[in-house]
Amino acid sequence: MYKEYRDVTINGAVSQMYREMAGRHRAHPNTIQIINTATLKAADCKRDHVVEMHNAKLKFPIIKKMPMVAKRLRSTFQAASADDLRAVRG
């Protein structure tokens, strides 16, 4: 079986392979034998889910980061009385 994974390290790609084999095929890690690992160039990739990331103009949306509230203004639990809830609803 031939598999391609996109990751920063080979260890990360092997971890992805173990997770996929466990999820899709219910294979236990001790039953999987890895014959060879290699780092491929973009031209050598065969799988569609890997090749689609080779586009140089690929863009992802920028998520707007909100500034954190000051520590003194934060609260773990913020209670609201029934009168406050009626004022908001009514």
C-alpha atoms as a PDB file:
ATOM      1  CA  MET A   1       0.000   0.000   0.000  1.00  0.00           C
ATOM      2  CA  TYR A   2       1.389   3.423  -0.973  1.00  0.00           C
ATOM      3  CA  LYS A   3       0.544   6.460   1.179  1.00  0.00           C
ATOM      4  CA  GLU A   4       1.519  10.134   1.030  1.00  0.00           C
ATOM      5  CA  TYR A   5       1.264  12.545   3.934  1.00  0.00           C
ATOM      6  CA  ARG A   6       2.065  16.215   4.137  1.00  0.00           C
ATOM      7  CA  ASP A   7       3.858  17.210   7.323  1.00  0.00           C
ATOM      8  CA  VAL A   8       6.818  19.200   8.556  1.00  0.00           C
ATOM      9  CA  THR A   9       8.674  16.141   9.861  1.00  0.00           C
ATOM     10  CA  ILE A  10       8.771  12.465   8.972  1.00  0.00           C
ATOM     11  CA  ASN A  11       7.725  11.612  12.532  1.00  0.00           C
ATOM     12  CA  GLY A  12       4.618  13.771  12.089  1.00  0.00           C
ATOM     13  CA  ALA A  13       3.785  12.015   8.826  1.00  0.00           C
ATOM     14  CA  VAL A  14       4.205   8.599  10.464  1.00  0.00           C
ATOM     15  CA  SER A  15       1.867   9.685  13.276  1.00  0.00           C
ATOM     16  CA  GLN A  16      -0.705  10.757  10.679  1.00  0.00           C
ATOM     17  CA  MET A  17      -0.391   7.354   9.027  1.00  0.00           C
ATOM     18  CA  TYR A  18      -0.961   5.504  12.310  1.00  0.00           C
ATOM     19  CA  ARG A  19      -4.040   7.630  13.037  1.00  0.00           C
ATOM     20  CA  GLU A  20      -5.477   7.134   9.558  1.00  0.00           C
ATOM     21  CA  MET A  21      -4.910   3.389   9.589  1.00  0.00           C
ATOM     22  CA  ALA A  22      -6.537   3.139  13.027  1.00  0.00           C
ATOM     23  CA  GLY A  23      -9.499   5.251  11.957  1.00  0.00           C
ATOM     24  CA  ARG A  24     -10.192   3.879   8.494  1.00  0.00           C
ATOM     25  CA  HIS A  25      -9.032   0.295   8.801  1.00  0.00           C
ATOM     26  CA  ARG A  26      -9.106  -0.352  12.575  1.00  0.00           C
ATOM     27  CA  ALA A  27      -5.441  -1.356  12.408  1.00  0.00           C
ATOM     28  CA  HIS A  28      -3.426  -1.481  15.620  1.00  0.00           C
ATOM     29  CA  PRO A  29       0.031   0.135  15.575  1.00  0.00           C
ATOM     30  CA  ASN A  30       1.752  -3.182  16.320  1.00  0.00           C
ATOM     31  CA  THR A  31       0.242  -4.727  13.156  1.00  0.00           C
ATOM     32  CA  ILE A  32       1.540  -1.988  10.830  1.00  0.00           C
ATOM     33  CA  GLN A  33       4.909  -2.478   9.165  1.00  0.00           C
ATOM     34  CA  ILE A  34       6.564   0.593   7.636  1.00  0.00           C
ATOM     35  CA  ILE A  35       8.914  -0.463   4.853  1.00  0.00           C
ATOM     36  CA  ASN A  36      10.253   2.904   3.716  1.00  0.00           C
ATOM     37  CA  THR A  37       9.888   6.627   4.406  1.00  0.00           C
ATOM     38  CA  ALA A  38      11.081   9.396   2.113  1.00  0.00           C
ATOM     39  CA  THR A  39      10.781  13.121   1.581  1.00  0.00           C
ATOM     40  CA  LEU A  40       9.304  13.773  -1.860  1.00  0.00           C
ATOM     41  CA  LYS A  41       9.731  16.739  -4.166  1.00  0.00           C
ATOM     42  CA  ALA A  42       6.585  18.477  -5.383  1.00  0.00           C
ATOM     43  CA  ALA A  43       6.909  16.918  -8.844  1.00  0.00           C
ATOM     44  CA  ASP A  44       7.058  13.382  -7.399  1.00  0.00           C
ATOM     45  CA  CYS A  45       3.790  13.584  -5.413  1.00  0.00           C
ATOM     46  CA  LYS A  46       0.921  11.456  -6.742  1.00  0.00           C
ATOM     47  CA  ARG A  47      -2.000  11.841  -4.327  1.00  0.00           C
ATOM     48  CA  ASP A  48      -4.570  14.576  -4.989  1.00  0.00           C
ATOM     49  CA  HIS A  49      -4.865  15.700  -1.364  1.00  0.00           C
ATOM     50  CA  VAL A  50      -1.117  16.416  -1.314  1.00  0.00           C
ATOM     51  CA  VAL A  51      -0.835  17.929  -4.806  1.00  0.00           C
ATOM     52  CA  GLU A  52      -3.623  20.448  -4.198  1.00  0.00           C
ATOM     53  CA  MET A  53      -1.440  22.194  -1.588  1.00  0.00           C
ATOM     54  CA  HIS A  54       1.376  22.873  -4.083  1.00  0.00           C
ATOM     55  CA  ASN A  55      -0.277  25.978  -5.542  1.00  0.00           C
ATOM     56  CA  ALA A  56       1.935  28.989  -4.779  1.00  0.00           C
ATOM     57  CA  LYS A  57      -1.071  31.345  -4.814  1.00  0.00           C
ATOM     58  CA  LEU A  58      -2.950  29.337  -2.175  1.00  0.00           C
ATOM     59  CA  LYS A  59      -4.408  31.631   0.489  1.00  0.00           C
ATOM     60  CA  PHE A  60      -6.157  30.978   3.775  1.00  0.00           C
ATOM     61  CA  PRO A  61      -8.505  33.407   5.518  1.00  0.00           C
ATOM     62  CA  ILE A  62      -7.021  35.574   8.231  1.00  0.00           C
ATOM     63  CA  ILE A  63      -8.862  35.101  11.485  1.00  0.00           C
ATOM     64  CA  LYS A  64      -9.460  38.348  13.346  1.00  0.00           C
ATOM     65  CA  LYS A  65      -7.719  38.182  16.691  1.00  0.00           C
ATOM     66  CA  MET A  66      -9.455  39.992  19.518  1.00  0.00           C
ATOM     67  CA  PRO A  67      -7.356  41.611  22.267  1.00  0.00           C
ATOM     68  CA  MET A  68      -7.621  39.942  25.658  1.00  0.00           C
ATOM     69  CA  VAL A  69      -9.469  41.654  28.472  1.00  0.00           C
ATOM     70  CA  ALA A  70      -7.286  42.882  31.323  1.00  0.00           C
ATOM     71  CA  LYS A  71      -6.766  40.311  34.085  1.00  0.00           C
ATOM     72  CA  ARG A  72      -8.511  42.480  36.700  1.00  0.00           C
ATOM     73  CA  LEU A  73     -11.645  42.685  34.532  1.00  0.00           C
ATOM     74  CA  ARG A  74     -11.926  38.953  33.824  1.00  0.00           C
ATOM     75  CA  SER A  75     -14.193  36.652  35.782  1.00  0.00           C
ATOM     76  CA  THR A  76     -14.544  32.904  35.696  1.00  0.00           C
ATOM     77  CA  PHE A  77     -18.268  32.959  36.433  1.00  0.00           C
ATOM     78  CA  GLN A  78     -20.315  36.049  35.795  1.00  0.00           C
ATOM     79  CA  ALA A  79     -23.729  35.918  37.437  1.00  0.00           C
ATOM     80  CA  ALA A  80     -26.686  37.896  36.186  1.00  0.00           C
ATOM     81  CA  SER A  81     -29.750  38.546  38.280  1.00  0.00           C
ATOM     82  CA  ALA A  82     -33.266  37.871  36.978  1.00  0.00           C
ATOM     83  CA  ASP A  83     -33.926  41.634  36.728  1.00  0.00           C
ATOM     84  CA  ASP A  84     -30.970  42.043  34.364  1.00  0.00           C
ATOM     85  CA  LEU A  85     -32.236  39.220  32.134  1.00  0.00           C
ATOM     86  CA  ARG A  86     -35.746  40.732  31.943  1.00  0.00           C
ATOM     87  CA  ALA A  87     -34.292  44.106  30.956  1.00  0.00           C
ATOM     88  CA  VAL A  88     -32.330  42.519  28.102  1.00  0.00           C
ATOM     89  CA  ARG A  89     -35.260  40.453  26.813  1.00  0.00           C
ATOM     90  CA  GLY A  90     -38.046  42.947  27.300  1.00  0.00           C
END
